[in-house]
Protein backbone atom coordinates (compact mmCIF):
# COMPACT_ATOMS: atom_id res chain seq x y z
CA MET A 1 -0.01 0.10 0.08
CA SER A 2 1.28 3.55 -0.78
CA SER A 3 2.52 5.35 2.43
CA GLU A 4 0.18 8.25 1.64
CA LEU A 5 -2.90 6.37 1.76
CA THR A 6 -4.56 5.00 4.96
CA PRO A 7 -5.87 1.54 5.16
CA ALA A 8 -9.32 2.99 5.11
CA ASP A 9 -8.44 5.05 1.91
CA THR A 10 -6.81 1.92 0.31
CA ALA A 11 -9.79 -0.45 1.12
CA ASP A 12 -12.33 2.12 -0.25
CA ARG A 13 -10.24 2.74 -3.30
CA VAL A 14 -10.06 -1.06 -3.88
CA ALA A 15 -13.62 -1.63 -3.51
CA ARG A 16 -14.95 1.21 -5.86
CA ALA A 17 -12.09 -0.08 -8.57
CA VAL A 18 -13.65 -3.52 -8.00
CA LEU A 19 -17.26 -2.42 -8.32
CA ALA A 20 -16.47 -0.51 -11.56
CA VAL A 21 -15.25 -3.53 -13.39
CA PRO A 22 -18.08 -4.93 -15.77
CA GLY A 23 -19.47 -8.05 -14.73
CA VAL A 24 -18.91 -7.55 -11.02
CA HIS A 25 -22.41 -7.55 -9.42
CA ASP A 26 -21.05 -6.91 -5.84
CA LEU A 27 -18.68 -7.42 -3.16
CA HIS A 28 -18.95 -10.73 -0.97
CA GLY A 29 -18.29 -11.08 2.86
CA GLY A 30 -17.53 -14.85 2.76
CA VAL A 31 -19.46 -17.47 4.30
CA LEU A 32 -19.64 -15.80 7.63
CA GLY A 33 -18.92 -12.22 6.79
CA GLU A 34 -15.36 -12.70 7.42
CA VAL A 35 -13.91 -11.20 4.45
CA ALA A 36 -13.50 -7.55 5.29
CA THR A 37 -11.17 -4.74 6.17
CA TYR A 38 -12.01 -3.80 9.68
CA LEU A 39 -11.80 -0.10 10.51
CA PRO A 40 -12.92 2.19 13.17
CA GLY A 41 -16.75 2.39 13.18
CA ARG A 42 -17.04 0.35 9.79
CA ARG A 43 -15.73 -2.35 7.46
CA VAL A 44 -15.21 -2.66 3.84
CA THR A 45 -16.78 -6.04 3.15
CA GLY A 46 -15.38 -8.28 0.48
CA VAL A 47 -11.99 -6.77 0.61
CA ARG A 48 -9.29 -8.10 2.86
CA LEU A 49 -5.98 -5.91 2.98
CA ARG A 50 -2.98 -7.91 4.20
CA GLU A 51 0.73 -7.18 4.20
CA HIS A 52 1.83 -9.09 1.28
CA ASP A 53 -1.38 -9.72 -0.51
CA THR A 54 -5.19 -8.57 -0.88
CA GLN A 55 -8.16 -10.96 -0.97
CA VAL A 56 -11.09 -9.83 -3.01
CA HIS A 57 -14.38 -11.68 -2.99
CA LEU A 58 -17.17 -11.20 -5.59
CA VAL A 59 -20.58 -11.71 -6.67
CA LEU A 60 -20.46 -11.80 -10.44
CA SER A 61 -23.46 -10.53 -12.67
CA TRP A 62 -25.45 -13.14 -14.54
CA GLY A 63 -23.68 -14.05 -17.98
CA ALA A 64 -20.47 -12.46 -17.12
CA PRO A 65 -17.30 -14.25 -18.29
CA VAL A 66 -15.69 -15.65 -15.08
CA THR A 67 -12.03 -15.54 -16.33
CA ALA A 68 -12.11 -12.32 -18.24
CA THR A 69 -13.78 -10.54 -15.18
CA THR A 70 -11.60 -12.00 -12.49
CA GLU A 71 -8.53 -11.06 -14.60
CA ALA A 72 -9.72 -7.54 -14.98
CA VAL A 73 -10.53 -7.41 -11.31
CA ARG A 74 -6.91 -8.57 -10.33
CA ALA A 75 -5.38 -6.18 -12.83
CA ARG A 76 -7.33 -3.06 -11.43
CA VAL A 77 -6.50 -3.90 -7.85
CA ALA A 78 -2.90 -4.61 -8.48
CA GLU A 79 -2.63 -0.88 -9.78
CA ILE A 80 -3.84 0.08 -6.12
CA VAL A 81 -2.00 -2.49 -3.72
CA PRO A 82 1.36 -4.33 -3.66
CA GLY A 83 1.83 -7.91 -3.60
CA THR A 84 -0.40 -10.78 -4.70
CA VAL A 85 -4.15 -10.28 -5.40
CA HIS A 86 -6.44 -13.14 -4.71
CA VAL A 87 -9.94 -12.98 -6.27
CA ALA A 88 -12.69 -15.38 -5.47
CA VAL A 89 -16.09 -15.62 -6.89
CA GLU A 90 -18.59 -16.42 -4.17
CA ASP A 91 -21.98 -16.24 -6.04
CA ILE A 92 -23.61 -15.20 -9.27
CA ALA A 93 -26.44 -13.01 -9.21
CA ALA A 94 -29.65 -13.92 -10.53
CA PRO A 95 -30.76 -12.51 -14.00
CA GLY A 96 -31.97 -9.09 -13.59
CA GLU A 97 -31.11 -8.80 -9.93
CA GLN A 98 -29.99 -5.33 -8.74
CA ALA A 99 -26.79 -4.73 -6.68
CA ASP A 100 -27.12 -3.58 -3.07
CA GLN A 101 -26.32 -0.01 -2.29
CA HIS A 102 -22.61 0.28 -1.29
CA ALA A 103 -21.34 2.07 1.69
CA VAL A 104 -18.15 2.99 0.09
CA PRO A 105 -17.41 6.76 0.43
CA GLU A 106 -17.02 8.56 -2.87
CA ASP A 107 -13.53 10.04 -3.49
CA GLU A 108 -13.46 13.89 -3.40
CA GLU A 109 -10.21 13.97 -5.41
CA GLU A 110 -8.98 10.86 -6.91
CA ALA A 111 -5.19 10.41 -6.36
CA PRO A 112 -3.21 9.56 -9.50
């Protein structure tokens, strides 16, 4: 992670980047909701930041190509964090299902 970004900033940037990838329906917290970055007063579900790797757990949109979508997610996240990026597909959304609203803060200014 860049020394300029806090863990909260990094987790939020990762979540926004993942959700912007075509074919990603939502982030997924794992079987028991354990996949998250825990922050004071909140958590970023579906993104686990660790020292040498990052885990991203997804719900894909119906009909999204799995390999292409996960590769796109991995590439986008690798632009933000150092180390290995692990991507897990946890579920596929039903046809026509709308994504939940996310509590990921919007950037006021996107860092380069």
